[in-house]
Amino acid sequence: MTLRSQRRLAASLLKAGLSRVWIDPEETDRVRSAITREEIQTLIREGRIRLLPSTGVSRGRARTSKRKNAGSRKRGLGLGKTHWVLRIRAIRRHLRGLRDSRQLSPDSYRTLVGMAKGGAFRNSSHIDEYVKARQLLRKR
């Protein structure tokens, strides 16, 4: 016969989980005969039933990891997103101007906007070089 109900009662009295309840292996017959909360409480007082210490999560792996923290990085993170936003806005403005002045066809405009989103162009003069090399400018 198992000590499941006794372990459950002890866990309830000790306000802990079932896995933290320790029952003295030499006193199993006495613990098995205890069926009320009062009897379990007396066994706890006598030390026949105890609460095991709680186990935490080990920090050993975190201590040995070689990840660099913010204080030991040698270069700044930079304003990458801000730079990107300013650059892409200028490129899109330039492409809109080319389309509105009817130098670019709508389909080549769409293609170039998609390429700009993918980071194909450094700046607006780079776009002009690309357009000239591919002969995408409309003839007037």
C-alpha atoms as a PDB file:
ATOM      1  CA  MET A   1       0.000   0.000   0.000  1.00  0.00           C
ATOM      2  CA  THR A   2       1.287   3.453  -0.894  1.00  0.00           C
ATOM      3  CA  LEU A   3       1.545   6.525   1.288  1.00  0.00           C
ATOM      4  CA  ARG A   4      -0.182   8.743  -1.260  1.00  0.00           C
ATOM      5  CA  SER A   5      -2.932  10.115   0.990  1.00  0.00           C
ATOM      6  CA  GLN A   6      -0.500  10.654   3.886  1.00  0.00           C
ATOM      7  CA  ARG A   7       1.890  12.501   1.580  1.00  0.00           C
ATOM      8  CA  ARG A   8      -1.006  14.621   0.285  1.00  0.00           C
ATOM      9  CA  LEU A   9      -2.138  15.528   3.810  1.00  0.00           C
ATOM     10  CA  ALA A  10       1.422  16.357   4.867  1.00  0.00           C
ATOM     11  CA  ALA A  11       1.909  18.565   1.804  1.00  0.00           C
ATOM     12  CA  SER A  12      -1.293  20.374   2.661  1.00  0.00           C
ATOM     13  CA  LEU A  13      -0.198  20.913   6.284  1.00  0.00           C
ATOM     14  CA  LEU A  14       3.339  21.989   5.320  1.00  0.00           C
ATOM     15  CA  LYS A  15       2.006  24.222   2.506  1.00  0.00           C
ATOM     16  CA  ALA A  16       4.321  22.694  -0.107  1.00  0.00           C
ATOM     17  CA  GLY A  17       4.202  20.360  -3.089  1.00  0.00           C
ATOM     18  CA  LEU A  18       4.012  16.579  -2.905  1.00  0.00           C
ATOM     19  CA  SER A  19       7.574  16.126  -4.155  1.00  0.00           C
ATOM     20  CA  ARG A  20       9.032  18.119  -1.240  1.00  0.00           C
ATOM     21  CA  VAL A  21       7.511  15.891   1.468  1.00  0.00           C
ATOM     22  CA  TRP A  22      10.048  13.481   3.003  1.00  0.00           C
ATOM     23  CA  ILE A  23       8.768  10.468   4.938  1.00  0.00           C
ATOM     24  CA  ASP A  24      11.156   8.512   7.159  1.00  0.00           C
ATOM     25  CA  PRO A  25      11.651   5.103   5.457  1.00  0.00           C
ATOM     26  CA  GLU A  26      11.994   3.340   8.818  1.00  0.00           C
ATOM     27  CA  GLU A  27       8.627   4.643  10.031  1.00  0.00           C
ATOM     28  CA  THR A  28       6.514   3.741   7.000  1.00  0.00           C
ATOM     29  CA  ASP A  29       4.216   1.424   9.005  1.00  0.00           C
ATOM     30  CA  ARG A  30       3.501   4.147  11.546  1.00  0.00           C
ATOM     31  CA  VAL A  31       2.922   6.757   8.821  1.00  0.00           C
ATOM     32  CA  ARG A  32       0.677   4.331   6.912  1.00  0.00           C
ATOM     33  CA  SER A  33      -1.552   3.924   9.993  1.00  0.00           C
ATOM     34  CA  ALA A  34      -1.939   7.724  10.356  1.00  0.00           C
ATOM     35  CA  ILE A  35      -5.106   8.693   8.513  1.00  0.00           C
ATOM     36  CA  THR A  36      -6.181  11.985  10.111  1.00  0.00           C
ATOM     37  CA  ARG A  37      -4.678  15.445   9.854  1.00  0.00           C
ATOM     38  CA  GLU A  38      -3.961  15.457  13.594  1.00  0.00           C
ATOM     39  CA  GLU A  39      -1.958  12.224  13.373  1.00  0.00           C
ATOM     40  CA  ILE A  40       0.025  13.568  10.413  1.00  0.00           C
ATOM     41  CA  GLN A  41       0.648  16.792  12.356  1.00  0.00           C
ATOM     42  CA  THR A  42       2.108  14.847  15.293  1.00  0.00           C
ATOM     43  CA  LEU A  43       4.387  12.916  12.919  1.00  0.00           C
ATOM     44  CA  ILE A  44       5.581  16.245  11.502  1.00  0.00           C
ATOM     45  CA  ARG A  45       6.296  17.521  15.029  1.00  0.00           C
ATOM     46  CA  GLU A  46       8.218  14.327  15.848  1.00  0.00           C
ATOM     47  CA  GLY A  47      10.305  14.687  12.659  1.00  0.00           C
ATOM     48  CA  ARG A  48       9.037  11.500  10.977  1.00  0.00           C
ATOM     49  CA  ILE A  49       7.710  13.641   8.128  1.00  0.00           C
ATOM     50  CA  ARG A  50       9.805  16.592   6.983  1.00  0.00           C
ATOM     51  CA  LEU A  51       9.884  19.217   4.276  1.00  0.00           C
ATOM     52  CA  LEU A  52      12.790  18.998   1.830  1.00  0.00           C
ATOM     53  CA  PRO A  53      14.505  22.270   0.849  1.00  0.00           C
ATOM     54  CA  SER A  54      13.270  23.855  -2.334  1.00  0.00           C
ATOM     55  CA  THR A  55      15.520  23.578  -5.356  1.00  0.00           C
ATOM     56  CA  GLY A  56      16.042  26.580  -7.621  1.00  0.00           C
ATOM     57  CA  VAL A  57      17.249  26.952 -11.185  1.00  0.00           C
ATOM     58  CA  SER A  58      21.019  26.671 -11.463  1.00  0.00           C
ATOM     59  CA  ARG A  59      22.888  29.813 -12.546  1.00  0.00           C
ATOM     60  CA  GLY A  60      26.034  27.849 -13.398  1.00  0.00           C
ATOM     61  CA  ARG A  61      25.549  27.921 -17.157  1.00  0.00           C
ATOM     62  CA  ALA A  62      24.748  31.624 -17.094  1.00  0.00           C
ATOM     63  CA  ARG A  63      27.937  32.332 -15.158  1.00  0.00           C
ATOM     64  CA  THR A  64      30.144  30.448 -17.590  1.00  0.00           C
ATOM     65  CA  SER A  65      28.579  31.850 -20.771  1.00  0.00           C
ATOM     66  CA  LYS A  66      30.878  33.937 -22.909  1.00  0.00           C
ATOM     67  CA  ARG A  67      28.221  36.406 -24.057  1.00  0.00           C
ATOM     68  CA  LYS A  68      29.450  39.989 -24.078  1.00  0.00           C
ATOM     69  CA  ASN A  69      27.496  42.384 -21.938  1.00  0.00           C
ATOM     70  CA  ALA A  70      26.711  45.969 -22.853  1.00  0.00           C
ATOM     71  CA  GLY A  71      29.565  47.381 -20.773  1.00  0.00           C
ATOM     72  CA  SER A  72      32.268  45.392 -22.557  1.00  0.00           C
ATOM     73  CA  ARG A  73      31.258  46.158 -26.144  1.00  0.00           C
ATOM     74  CA  LYS A  74      33.853  48.204 -27.951  1.00  0.00           C
ATOM     75  CA  ARG A  75      31.713  49.994 -30.498  1.00  0.00           C
ATOM     76  CA  GLY A  76      28.470  51.893 -30.235  1.00  0.00           C
ATOM     77  CA  LEU A  77      25.253  50.426 -31.514  1.00  0.00           C
ATOM     78  CA  GLY A  78      24.681  53.437 -33.780  1.00  0.00           C
ATOM     79  CA  LEU A  79      21.416  54.909 -34.897  1.00  0.00           C
ATOM     80  CA  GLY A  80      20.765  52.189 -37.460  1.00  0.00           C
ATOM     81  CA  LYS A  81      17.011  52.500 -37.658  1.00  0.00           C
ATOM     82  CA  THR A  82      17.026  56.301 -37.766  1.00  0.00           C
ATOM     83  CA  HIS A  83      19.601  56.273 -40.559  1.00  0.00           C
ATOM     84  CA  TRP A  84      17.573  53.692 -42.460  1.00  0.00           C
ATOM     85  CA  VAL A  85      14.347  55.682 -42.136  1.00  0.00           C
ATOM     86  CA  LEU A  86      15.958  58.888 -43.368  1.00  0.00           C
ATOM     87  CA  ARG A  87      17.609  57.100 -46.288  1.00  0.00           C
ATOM     88  CA  ILE A  88      14.534  55.162 -47.427  1.00  0.00           C
ATOM     89  CA  ARG A  89      12.358  58.278 -47.252  1.00  0.00           C
ATOM     90  CA  ALA A  90      14.780  60.187 -49.465  1.00  0.00           C
ATOM     91  CA  ILE A  91      14.976  57.311 -51.946  1.00  0.00           C
ATOM     92  CA  ARG A  92      11.193  56.932 -52.134  1.00  0.00           C
ATOM     93  CA  ARG A  93      10.758  60.694 -52.534  1.00  0.00           C
ATOM     94  CA  HIS A  94      13.231  60.626 -55.438  1.00  0.00           C
ATOM     95  CA  LEU A  95      11.435  57.678 -57.073  1.00  0.00           C
ATOM     96  CA  ARG A  96       8.063  59.452 -56.699  1.00  0.00           C
ATOM     97  CA  GLY A  97       9.534  62.524 -58.354  1.00  0.00           C
ATOM     98  CA  LEU A  98      10.798  60.462 -61.290  1.00  0.00           C
ATOM     99  CA  ARG A  99       7.403  58.808 -61.671  1.00  0.00           C
ATOM    100  CA  ASP A 100       5.414  62.050 -61.376  1.00  0.00           C
ATOM    101  CA  SER A 101       7.622  63.756 -63.957  1.00  0.00           C
ATOM    102  CA  ARG A 102       6.844  60.767 -66.179  1.00  0.00           C
ATOM    103  CA  GLN A 103      10.497  59.738 -66.512  1.00  0.00           C
ATOM    104  CA  LEU A 104       9.715  56.313 -64.995  1.00  0.00           C
ATOM    105  CA  SER A 105       6.889  54.015 -66.032  1.00  0.00           C
ATOM    106  CA  PRO A 106       4.597  52.849 -63.202  1.00  0.00           C
ATOM    107  CA  ASP A 107       5.725  49.239 -63.465  1.00  0.00           C
ATOM    108  CA  SER A 108       9.447  50.094 -63.275  1.00  0.00           C
ATOM    109  CA  TYR A 109       8.595  52.472 -60.378  1.00  0.00           C
ATOM    110  CA  ARG A 110       7.021  49.560 -58.476  1.00  0.00           C
ATOM    111  CA  THR A 111      10.037  47.365 -59.168  1.00  0.00           C
ATOM    112  CA  LEU A 112      12.464  50.022 -57.948  1.00  0.00           C
ATOM    113  CA  VAL A 113      10.429  50.717 -54.783  1.00  0.00           C
ATOM    114  CA  GLY A 114      10.568  47.021 -53.957  1.00  0.00           C
ATOM    115  CA  MET A 115      14.309  46.967 -54.556  1.00  0.00           C
ATOM    116  CA  ALA A 116      14.736  50.022 -52.326  1.00  0.00           C
ATOM    117  CA  LYS A 117      12.829  48.263 -49.566  1.00  0.00           C
ATOM    118  CA  GLY A 118      15.239  45.352 -49.910  1.00  0.00           C
ATOM    119  CA  GLY A 119      18.195  47.712 -49.448  1.00  0.00           C
ATOM    120  CA  ALA A 120      19.453  47.651 -53.037  1.00  0.00           C
ATOM    121  CA  PHE A 121      20.233  51.390 -53.197  1.00  0.00           C
ATOM    122  CA  ARG A 122      22.568  53.481 -51.050  1.00  0.00           C
ATOM    123  CA  ASN A 123      21.124  56.856 -52.039  1.00  0.00           C
ATOM    124  CA  SER A 124      19.253  58.691 -54.797  1.00  0.00           C
ATOM    125  CA  SER A 125      22.350  59.107 -57.010  1.00  0.00           C
ATOM    126  CA  HIS A 126      22.796  55.332 -56.853  1.00  0.00           C
ATOM    127  CA  ILE A 127      19.229  55.030 -58.198  1.00  0.00           C
ATOM    128  CA  ASP A 128      20.054  57.387 -61.072  1.00  0.00           C
ATOM    129  CA  GLU A 129      23.089  55.235 -61.981  1.00  0.00           C
ATOM    130  CA  TYR A 130      20.980  52.070 -61.874  1.00  0.00           C
ATOM    131  CA  VAL A 131      18.190  53.593 -64.002  1.00  0.00           C
ATOM    132  CA  LYS A 132      20.674  54.889 -66.559  1.00  0.00           C
ATOM    133  CA  ALA A 133      22.509  51.551 -66.760  1.00  0.00           C
ATOM    134  CA  ARG A 134      19.263  49.595 -67.268  1.00  0.00           C
ATOM    135  CA  GLN A 135      17.822  52.273 -69.630  1.00  0.00           C
ATOM    136  CA  LEU A 136      14.591  52.567 -67.658  1.00  0.00           C
ATOM    137  CA  LEU A 137      14.105  56.282 -68.387  1.00  0.00           C
ATOM    138  CA  ARG A 138      11.260  57.027 -70.769  1.00  0.00           C
ATOM    139  CA  LYS A 139      12.020  58.734 -74.034  1.00  0.00           C
ATOM    140  CA  ARG A 140      10.335  62.146 -74.310  1.00  0.00           C
END
